N, C-alpha and C. Protein backbone atom coordinates (compact mmCIF):
# COMPACT_ATOMS: atom_id res chain seq x y z
N MET A 1 -11.63 4.09 -23.02
CA MET A 1 -10.87 3.61 -21.77
C MET A 1 -11.54 2.36 -21.28
N LYS A 2 -10.98 1.35 -21.05
CA LYS A 2 -11.69 0.14 -20.31
C LYS A 2 -11.59 0.28 -19.05
N MET A 3 -12.46 -0.19 -18.06
CA MET A 3 -12.77 -0.22 -16.82
C MET A 3 -11.88 -1.18 -16.41
N PRO A 4 -10.95 -0.69 -15.19
CA PRO A 4 -10.03 -1.36 -14.57
C PRO A 4 -10.38 -2.66 -13.88
N GLU A 5 -9.87 -3.80 -14.37
CA GLU A 5 -10.36 -4.96 -13.69
C GLU A 5 -9.44 -5.67 -12.63
N LYS A 6 -8.22 -5.11 -12.62
CA LYS A 6 -7.09 -5.44 -11.81
C LYS A 6 -6.36 -4.23 -11.09
N ILE A 7 -6.82 -3.86 -9.97
CA ILE A 7 -6.22 -2.86 -9.19
C ILE A 7 -5.41 -3.16 -8.05
N LEU A 8 -4.36 -2.64 -7.92
CA LEU A 8 -3.36 -2.65 -6.81
C LEU A 8 -3.45 -1.47 -5.90
N VAL A 9 -3.69 -1.85 -4.65
CA VAL A 9 -3.64 -0.77 -3.49
C VAL A 9 -2.74 -0.94 -2.53
N PRO A 10 -1.77 0.19 -2.57
CA PRO A 10 -0.78 -0.06 -1.43
C PRO A 10 -1.25 0.51 0.05
N LEU A 11 -1.21 -0.04 1.02
CA LEU A 11 -1.42 0.45 2.21
C LEU A 11 -0.26 0.33 3.20
N ASP A 12 0.00 1.19 4.18
CA ASP A 12 0.82 1.39 4.85
C ASP A 12 0.60 1.08 6.42
N GLY A 13 -0.62 0.73 6.53
CA GLY A 13 -1.38 0.56 8.12
C GLY A 13 -1.61 1.59 8.71
N SER A 14 -1.78 2.77 8.33
CA SER A 14 -2.36 4.02 8.93
C SER A 14 -3.58 4.36 8.18
N LYS A 15 -4.16 5.06 9.00
CA LYS A 15 -5.68 5.64 8.60
C LYS A 15 -5.51 6.37 7.38
N ALA A 16 -4.67 7.16 7.36
CA ALA A 16 -4.26 8.02 6.22
C ALA A 16 -3.90 7.24 4.93
N GLY A 17 -3.31 6.03 5.04
CA GLY A 17 -2.96 5.32 3.96
C GLY A 17 -3.99 4.64 3.44
N GLU A 18 -5.21 4.41 4.05
CA GLU A 18 -6.60 4.09 3.52
C GLU A 18 -7.55 4.90 2.86
N THR A 19 -6.97 6.14 2.92
CA THR A 19 -7.66 7.22 2.02
C THR A 19 -8.12 6.81 0.66
N ALA A 20 -7.48 5.94 0.08
CA ALA A 20 -7.85 5.62 -1.46
C ALA A 20 -9.21 4.44 -1.34
N LEU A 21 -9.10 3.74 -0.07
CA LEU A 21 -10.16 2.42 -0.22
C LEU A 21 -11.65 2.86 -0.54
N PRO A 22 -12.29 4.19 0.02
CA PRO A 22 -13.39 4.37 -0.58
C PRO A 22 -13.66 4.75 -1.96
N TYR A 23 -12.60 5.35 -2.57
CA TYR A 23 -12.65 5.67 -3.87
C TYR A 23 -12.49 4.50 -4.88
N VAL A 24 -12.09 3.34 -4.48
CA VAL A 24 -11.89 2.01 -5.15
C VAL A 24 -13.07 1.32 -4.90
N GLU A 25 -13.78 1.37 -3.72
CA GLU A 25 -15.10 0.74 -3.45
C GLU A 25 -16.11 1.61 -4.38
N GLU A 26 -15.79 2.73 -4.44
CA GLU A 26 -17.03 3.43 -5.32
C GLU A 26 -16.87 3.15 -6.86
N LEU A 27 -15.63 2.78 -7.22
CA LEU A 27 -15.38 2.43 -8.49
C LEU A 27 -15.92 1.08 -8.98
N ILE A 28 -15.66 0.24 -7.88
CA ILE A 28 -16.25 -1.00 -7.95
C ILE A 28 -17.82 -1.12 -8.25
N SER A 29 -18.35 -0.21 -7.41
CA SER A 29 -19.98 -0.41 -7.09
C SER A 29 -20.29 0.35 -8.45
N LYS A 30 -19.56 1.46 -9.15
CA LYS A 30 -20.00 1.93 -10.24
C LYS A 30 -20.03 1.06 -11.63
N MET A 31 -19.45 0.04 -11.67
CA MET A 31 -19.00 -0.78 -12.72
C MET A 31 -20.05 -1.68 -12.84
N ALA A 32 -20.30 -2.34 -14.15
CA ALA A 32 -21.33 -3.11 -14.36
C ALA A 32 -21.25 -4.43 -13.54
N SER A 33 -22.18 -4.94 -13.10
CA SER A 33 -22.33 -6.04 -12.20
C SER A 33 -21.49 -7.32 -13.15
N GLY A 34 -21.35 -7.49 -14.35
CA GLY A 34 -20.89 -8.70 -15.03
C GLY A 34 -19.18 -8.35 -15.14
N ASN A 35 -18.69 -7.41 -14.74
CA ASN A 35 -17.29 -7.24 -14.55
C ASN A 35 -16.78 -7.93 -13.34
N LYS A 36 -15.88 -8.43 -13.33
CA LYS A 36 -15.25 -9.02 -12.07
C LYS A 36 -13.96 -8.21 -11.73
N VAL A 37 -13.94 -7.54 -10.37
CA VAL A 37 -12.53 -6.95 -10.20
C VAL A 37 -11.86 -7.31 -9.14
N VAL A 38 -10.55 -7.54 -9.30
CA VAL A 38 -9.58 -8.28 -8.70
C VAL A 38 -8.58 -7.13 -7.97
N VAL A 39 -8.96 -6.84 -6.48
CA VAL A 39 -7.84 -5.88 -5.98
C VAL A 39 -7.15 -6.53 -5.05
N THR A 40 -5.70 -6.26 -5.66
CA THR A 40 -4.50 -6.59 -4.77
C THR A 40 -4.03 -5.95 -3.49
N LEU A 41 -4.24 -6.08 -2.24
CA LEU A 41 -3.81 -4.89 -1.37
C LEU A 41 -2.42 -5.31 -0.92
N ILE A 42 -1.49 -4.47 -0.93
CA ILE A 42 -0.28 -4.61 -0.81
C ILE A 42 0.42 -3.80 0.58
N GLN A 43 1.09 -4.39 1.29
CA GLN A 43 1.87 -3.66 2.28
C GLN A 43 3.25 -4.15 2.23
N VAL A 44 4.14 -2.89 1.94
CA VAL A 44 5.62 -3.27 1.99
C VAL A 44 6.34 -2.97 3.25
N LEU A 45 6.78 -4.03 3.75
CA LEU A 45 7.78 -3.55 5.19
C LEU A 45 9.24 -3.38 4.94
N SER A 46 9.29 -1.96 5.20
CA SER A 46 10.78 -1.48 4.67
C SER A 46 11.83 -2.29 5.36
N SER A 47 11.58 -2.96 6.56
CA SER A 47 12.70 -3.63 7.38
C SER A 47 12.07 -4.74 7.86
N LEU A 48 12.89 -5.72 8.23
CA LEU A 48 12.36 -6.75 9.21
C LEU A 48 13.61 -7.00 10.15
N SER A 49 13.88 -5.59 11.00
CA SER A 49 14.91 -5.74 11.79
C SER A 49 14.70 -4.62 12.92
N ARG A 50 15.35 -4.57 13.92
CA ARG A 50 15.20 -3.56 14.91
C ARG A 50 16.62 -3.10 15.55
N TYR A 51 16.76 -2.12 16.08
CA TYR A 51 17.93 -1.67 16.65
C TYR A 51 17.97 -1.58 18.05
N VAL A 52 19.22 -2.18 18.48
CA VAL A 52 19.32 -2.17 19.99
C VAL A 52 20.57 -1.54 20.13
N VAL A 53 20.16 -0.73 21.59
CA VAL A 53 21.56 0.04 22.12
C VAL A 53 22.23 -1.04 22.84
N SER A 54 23.64 -0.81 22.56
CA SER A 54 24.57 -1.56 23.39
C SER A 54 25.62 -0.76 23.78
N GLY A 55 25.66 -0.49 25.00
CA GLY A 55 26.67 0.58 25.41
C GLY A 55 26.56 1.83 24.82
N GLU A 56 27.39 2.53 23.86
CA GLU A 56 27.60 3.65 23.20
C GLU A 56 27.29 3.23 21.74
N GLU A 57 26.91 2.08 21.36
CA GLU A 57 26.66 1.76 20.21
C GLU A 57 24.96 1.25 19.67
N THR A 58 24.70 1.67 18.63
CA THR A 58 23.40 1.14 18.17
C THR A 58 23.62 0.11 17.07
N ILE A 59 22.97 -1.17 17.52
CA ILE A 59 23.34 -1.93 16.44
C ILE A 59 22.06 -2.60 15.85
N LYS A 60 22.17 -2.94 14.39
CA LYS A 60 20.79 -3.01 13.79
C LYS A 60 20.94 -4.81 13.88
N VAL A 61 19.53 -5.34 14.39
CA VAL A 61 19.65 -6.92 14.58
C VAL A 61 18.45 -7.26 13.83
N PRO A 62 18.70 -8.29 12.93
CA PRO A 62 17.53 -8.85 12.42
C PRO A 62 16.43 -9.44 13.20
N TYR A 63 15.30 -9.56 12.72
CA TYR A 63 14.20 -10.32 13.37
C TYR A 63 14.53 -11.71 13.17
N THR A 64 14.06 -12.42 14.27
CA THR A 64 14.34 -14.04 14.04
C THR A 64 13.15 -14.35 13.29
N ARG A 65 13.18 -15.55 13.11
CA ARG A 65 12.23 -16.29 11.77
C ARG A 65 10.97 -16.15 12.48
N GLN A 66 10.81 -16.46 13.90
CA GLN A 66 9.36 -16.41 14.68
C GLN A 66 8.93 -14.93 14.21
N GLU A 67 9.53 -14.05 14.52
CA GLU A 67 9.36 -12.48 14.57
C GLU A 67 8.99 -12.06 13.12
N THR A 68 9.48 -12.76 12.19
CA THR A 68 9.47 -12.13 10.74
C THR A 68 8.09 -12.72 10.29
N ASP A 69 7.76 -14.12 10.84
CA ASP A 69 6.40 -14.63 10.40
C ASP A 69 5.36 -14.02 11.18
N GLU A 70 5.58 -13.59 12.09
CA GLU A 70 4.44 -12.99 13.11
C GLU A 70 4.13 -11.51 12.52
N THR A 71 5.04 -10.78 12.13
CA THR A 71 5.09 -9.53 11.25
C THR A 71 4.17 -9.72 10.13
N ARG A 72 4.66 -10.69 9.29
CA ARG A 72 3.93 -10.83 8.02
C ARG A 72 2.53 -11.50 8.25
N LYS A 73 2.22 -12.11 9.36
CA LYS A 73 0.96 -12.40 9.60
C LYS A 73 0.14 -11.28 10.09
N ARG A 74 0.74 -10.63 10.69
CA ARG A 74 -0.32 -9.15 11.30
C ARG A 74 -0.33 -8.52 9.92
N ALA A 75 0.49 -8.38 9.15
CA ALA A 75 0.30 -7.50 7.54
C ALA A 75 -0.87 -8.08 7.12
N VAL A 76 -0.91 -9.47 6.77
CA VAL A 76 -1.85 -10.03 6.04
C VAL A 76 -3.39 -9.81 6.83
N ARG A 77 -3.62 -9.99 8.16
CA ARG A 77 -4.76 -9.89 8.73
C ARG A 77 -5.01 -8.47 8.54
N TYR A 78 -4.25 -7.53 8.63
CA TYR A 78 -4.53 -6.22 8.41
C TYR A 78 -5.17 -5.75 6.86
N LEU A 79 -4.38 -6.21 5.75
CA LEU A 79 -4.83 -6.35 4.55
C LEU A 79 -6.19 -6.80 4.43
N ARG A 80 -6.65 -7.82 4.89
CA ARG A 80 -7.77 -8.82 4.82
C ARG A 80 -8.85 -7.99 5.70
N THR A 81 -8.61 -7.43 6.67
CA THR A 81 -9.60 -6.52 7.17
C THR A 81 -9.64 -5.05 6.37
N ALA A 82 -8.71 -4.60 6.03
CA ALA A 82 -8.95 -3.39 5.25
C ALA A 82 -9.54 -3.80 3.79
N GLY A 83 -9.59 -4.81 3.45
CA GLY A 83 -10.30 -5.13 2.02
C GLY A 83 -11.82 -5.59 2.12
N ALA A 84 -12.28 -5.85 3.46
CA ALA A 84 -13.75 -5.98 3.82
C ALA A 84 -14.70 -5.37 3.01
N THR A 85 -14.65 -3.94 2.91
CA THR A 85 -15.54 -3.19 2.12
C THR A 85 -15.47 -3.49 0.68
N LEU A 86 -14.25 -3.77 0.28
CA LEU A 86 -14.21 -4.01 -1.21
C LEU A 86 -14.90 -5.19 -1.63
N ARG A 87 -14.82 -6.16 -0.63
CA ARG A 87 -15.42 -7.38 -1.01
C ARG A 87 -17.04 -7.40 -0.94
N LYS A 88 -17.43 -6.55 0.05
CA LYS A 88 -19.03 -6.24 0.08
C LYS A 88 -19.36 -5.60 -1.12
N ALA A 89 -18.46 -4.69 -1.55
CA ALA A 89 -19.02 -3.94 -3.04
C ALA A 89 -18.92 -4.80 -4.31
N GLY A 90 -18.20 -6.13 -4.09
CA GLY A 90 -18.29 -7.10 -5.40
C GLY A 90 -16.99 -7.54 -5.67
N ALA A 91 -15.85 -6.94 -5.20
CA ALA A 91 -14.57 -7.25 -5.60
C ALA A 91 -14.00 -8.50 -5.01
N THR A 92 -12.84 -9.41 -5.45
CA THR A 92 -12.03 -10.23 -5.02
C THR A 92 -10.85 -9.54 -4.46
N THR A 93 -10.50 -10.12 -3.38
CA THR A 93 -9.25 -9.20 -2.91
C THR A 93 -8.45 -10.33 -2.94
N LYS A 94 -7.03 -9.82 -2.87
CA LYS A 94 -5.74 -10.81 -2.71
C LYS A 94 -4.88 -10.02 -1.73
N THR A 95 -3.97 -10.58 -1.07
CA THR A 95 -3.17 -9.81 -0.23
C THR A 95 -1.55 -10.18 -0.71
N LYS A 96 -0.89 -9.20 -0.50
CA LYS A 96 0.82 -9.32 -0.88
C LYS A 96 1.29 -8.62 0.00
N VAL A 97 2.39 -9.28 1.03
CA VAL A 97 3.36 -8.53 1.63
C VAL A 97 4.59 -8.81 1.26
N GLU A 98 5.29 -7.73 1.03
CA GLU A 98 6.82 -7.58 0.65
C GLU A 98 7.59 -6.72 1.60
N VAL A 99 8.88 -7.03 1.45
CA VAL A 99 9.94 -6.50 2.48
C VAL A 99 10.96 -5.64 1.18
N GLY A 100 11.19 -4.52 1.37
CA GLY A 100 12.15 -3.56 0.59
C GLY A 100 11.51 -2.26 0.62
N ASN A 101 12.21 -1.53 -0.48
CA ASN A 101 11.81 -0.15 -0.75
C ASN A 101 10.63 -0.25 -1.40
N PRO A 102 9.51 0.61 -0.72
CA PRO A 102 8.09 0.84 -1.08
C PRO A 102 7.78 1.10 -2.58
N ALA A 103 8.39 2.07 -2.94
CA ALA A 103 8.09 2.45 -4.29
C ALA A 103 8.39 1.27 -5.28
N GLU A 104 9.75 0.97 -5.11
CA GLU A 104 10.30 -0.31 -5.79
C GLU A 104 9.22 -1.44 -6.17
N GLU A 105 8.88 -1.89 -4.65
CA GLU A 105 8.23 -2.98 -4.42
C GLU A 105 6.55 -2.86 -5.03
N ILE A 106 6.05 -1.73 -4.91
CA ILE A 106 4.76 -1.57 -5.64
C ILE A 106 4.75 -1.45 -7.12
N ILE A 107 5.78 -0.84 -7.59
CA ILE A 107 5.92 -1.07 -8.90
C ILE A 107 6.10 -2.40 -9.69
N SER A 108 7.13 -2.97 -8.99
CA SER A 108 7.19 -4.48 -9.15
C SER A 108 5.93 -5.15 -9.02
N ALA A 109 4.95 -4.92 -8.23
CA ALA A 109 3.94 -5.88 -7.82
C ALA A 109 2.82 -5.34 -8.80
N ALA A 110 2.75 -4.09 -9.37
CA ALA A 110 1.79 -3.61 -10.27
C ALA A 110 2.25 -4.38 -11.59
N ASP A 111 3.48 -4.45 -11.91
CA ASP A 111 3.65 -5.20 -13.23
C ASP A 111 3.65 -6.54 -12.94
N GLU A 112 3.70 -7.45 -12.06
CA GLU A 112 3.58 -8.75 -11.85
C GLU A 112 2.26 -9.14 -12.19
N ILE A 113 1.15 -8.59 -11.30
CA ILE A 113 -0.12 -8.93 -11.45
C ILE A 113 -0.82 -8.18 -12.71
N LYS A 114 -0.04 -7.38 -13.39
CA LYS A 114 -0.62 -6.82 -14.57
C LYS A 114 -1.72 -5.79 -14.18
N ALA A 115 -1.55 -4.89 -13.22
CA ALA A 115 -2.42 -3.92 -13.00
C ALA A 115 -2.97 -3.02 -13.82
N ASP A 116 -4.33 -2.91 -13.82
CA ASP A 116 -4.91 -1.76 -14.78
C ASP A 116 -4.87 -0.43 -14.07
N MET A 117 -4.58 -0.29 -12.93
CA MET A 117 -4.56 0.64 -12.23
C MET A 117 -3.79 0.49 -10.87
N ILE A 118 -3.26 1.70 -10.29
CA ILE A 118 -2.81 1.65 -8.86
C ILE A 118 -3.64 2.86 -8.07
N ALA A 119 -4.30 2.40 -7.21
CA ALA A 119 -4.81 3.32 -6.28
C ALA A 119 -4.30 3.73 -5.02
N MET A 120 -3.64 4.95 -4.80
CA MET A 120 -3.02 5.08 -3.34
C MET A 120 -3.33 6.51 -2.85
N SER A 121 -2.98 6.62 -1.52
CA SER A 121 -3.14 7.92 -0.97
C SER A 121 -1.78 8.38 -1.05
N SER A 122 -1.82 10.05 -1.11
CA SER A 122 -0.57 10.59 -0.80
C SER A 122 -0.77 11.39 0.42
N HIS A 123 0.41 11.25 1.40
CA HIS A 123 0.27 11.74 2.62
C HIS A 123 0.54 13.52 2.63
N GLY A 124 0.92 13.92 1.39
CA GLY A 124 1.05 15.25 1.47
C GLY A 124 2.04 16.08 1.78
N ARG A 125 3.10 15.30 2.21
CA ARG A 125 4.33 15.87 2.58
C ARG A 125 4.80 17.02 1.79
N SER A 126 5.29 18.08 2.22
CA SER A 126 5.87 19.30 1.59
C SER A 126 7.13 19.68 2.29
N GLY A 127 7.74 20.49 1.83
CA GLY A 127 9.21 21.35 2.06
C GLY A 127 10.25 20.08 2.54
N LEU A 128 10.63 20.53 3.87
CA LEU A 128 11.81 19.73 4.29
C LEU A 128 11.59 18.18 4.39
N SER A 129 10.37 17.89 4.78
CA SER A 129 9.99 16.67 5.24
C SER A 129 9.83 15.82 3.93
N ARG A 130 9.45 16.42 2.87
CA ARG A 130 9.27 15.85 1.22
C ARG A 130 10.75 15.66 0.92
N TRP A 131 11.25 16.69 1.13
CA TRP A 131 12.88 16.43 0.83
C TRP A 131 13.57 15.39 1.57
N ALA A 132 13.45 15.43 2.69
CA ALA A 132 14.09 14.32 3.52
C ALA A 132 13.71 12.82 3.15
N PHE A 133 12.36 12.71 3.13
CA PHE A 133 12.01 11.13 2.86
C PHE A 133 11.29 11.05 1.69
N GLY A 134 11.15 12.10 0.94
CA GLY A 134 10.84 11.94 -0.55
C GLY A 134 9.26 11.36 -0.27
N SER A 135 8.76 11.17 -1.40
CA SER A 135 7.37 10.68 -1.65
C SER A 135 7.14 9.08 -2.59
N VAL A 136 6.80 8.43 -1.67
CA VAL A 136 6.53 6.93 -2.26
C VAL A 136 5.59 7.19 -3.64
N THR A 137 4.85 8.05 -3.28
CA THR A 137 3.80 8.38 -4.40
C THR A 137 4.31 8.93 -5.84
N ASP A 138 5.29 9.87 -5.32
CA ASP A 138 6.03 10.48 -6.45
C ASP A 138 6.96 9.59 -7.41
N ARG A 139 7.63 8.85 -6.38
CA ARG A 139 8.30 7.62 -7.13
C ARG A 139 7.46 6.56 -7.95
N VAL A 140 6.65 6.27 -7.49
CA VAL A 140 5.50 5.41 -8.13
C VAL A 140 5.31 6.10 -9.46
N LEU A 141 4.50 7.32 -9.42
CA LEU A 141 4.26 7.72 -10.52
C LEU A 141 5.27 8.26 -11.61
N ARG A 142 6.53 8.49 -11.42
CA ARG A 142 7.47 8.57 -12.02
C ARG A 142 8.23 7.31 -12.70
N GLY A 143 8.33 6.44 -11.84
CA GLY A 143 9.09 4.96 -12.25
C GLY A 143 8.27 4.04 -12.54
N GLY A 144 6.79 3.94 -12.48
CA GLY A 144 6.28 3.04 -13.07
C GLY A 144 5.70 3.32 -14.27
N SER A 145 5.04 2.24 -15.03
CA SER A 145 4.46 2.52 -16.16
C SER A 145 2.80 2.44 -16.09
N ARG A 146 2.16 2.14 -14.94
CA ARG A 146 0.74 1.94 -15.05
C ARG A 146 0.03 3.24 -14.52
N PRO A 147 -1.28 3.38 -14.91
CA PRO A 147 -2.18 4.55 -14.54
C PRO A 147 -2.13 4.43 -12.89
N VAL A 148 -1.83 5.70 -12.37
CA VAL A 148 -2.21 5.82 -10.88
C VAL A 148 -3.28 6.72 -10.36
N LEU A 149 -4.45 6.38 -9.54
CA LEU A 149 -5.04 7.18 -8.95
C LEU A 149 -4.59 7.45 -7.63
N VAL A 150 -4.32 8.90 -7.37
CA VAL A 150 -3.57 9.51 -6.05
C VAL A 150 -4.80 10.07 -5.51
N VAL A 151 -5.15 9.60 -4.41
CA VAL A 151 -6.11 10.57 -3.27
C VAL A 151 -5.40 11.20 -2.44
N LYS A 152 -5.55 12.44 -2.25
CA LYS A 152 -4.96 13.32 -1.08
C LYS A 152 -5.64 12.93 0.19
N VAL A 153 -4.71 12.57 1.20
CA VAL A 153 -5.28 12.65 2.67
C VAL A 153 -5.73 13.93 3.13
N PRO A 154 -6.92 14.01 3.54
CA PRO A 154 -7.38 15.22 4.36
C PRO A 154 -6.50 15.60 5.47
N LYS A 155 -6.26 16.87 5.52
CA LYS A 155 -5.46 17.49 6.84
C LYS A 155 -6.00 16.71 8.09
N GLU A 156 -7.25 16.49 8.43
CA GLU A 156 -7.73 16.07 9.59
C GLU A 156 -7.40 14.53 9.67
N THR A 157 -6.93 13.86 8.92
CA THR A 157 -6.63 12.26 9.03
C THR A 157 -4.88 12.19 9.42
N HIS A 158 -4.35 13.48 9.08
CA HIS A 158 -2.92 13.22 9.46
C HIS A 158 -3.13 13.10 11.00
N VAL A 159 -2.00 12.27 11.49
CA VAL A 159 -1.47 12.17 12.95
C VAL A 159 -0.15 12.69 13.15
N ALA A 160 -0.10 13.42 14.14
CA ALA A 160 1.25 14.12 14.25
C ALA A 160 2.37 12.98 14.83
């Protein structure tokens, strides 16, 4: 098995979502110094709109261009900050912000960059929550063709 040189790491902006980062950092630090690893950090925004209550109706209103630009800039800043330890470990980091279905966008990005591996955390939903919301991790595992490193989020990291 060859060591991964292109790794995709999906992040959702939460501490729980960052659980895979130390594992990726460890993997990078264990690799021979001659290997160059490129880690692409991706955040998928499920929507660029908000809901506004008008009387008895709730209306979905798209973000303005300025709000969309600012949301994307915040996501890029977050990804750059999250990637700092990976850069210190010797990796080159890239950022990618997409809008859409998280699992579909992750699979698409992995194919686009020809990722050797996807490293992601699993929030560990079960029961009704899993049935209602599904699991992005499950959908990436079943729908994609790339190897996936799944890191379970420790219980103390979950925020109610």
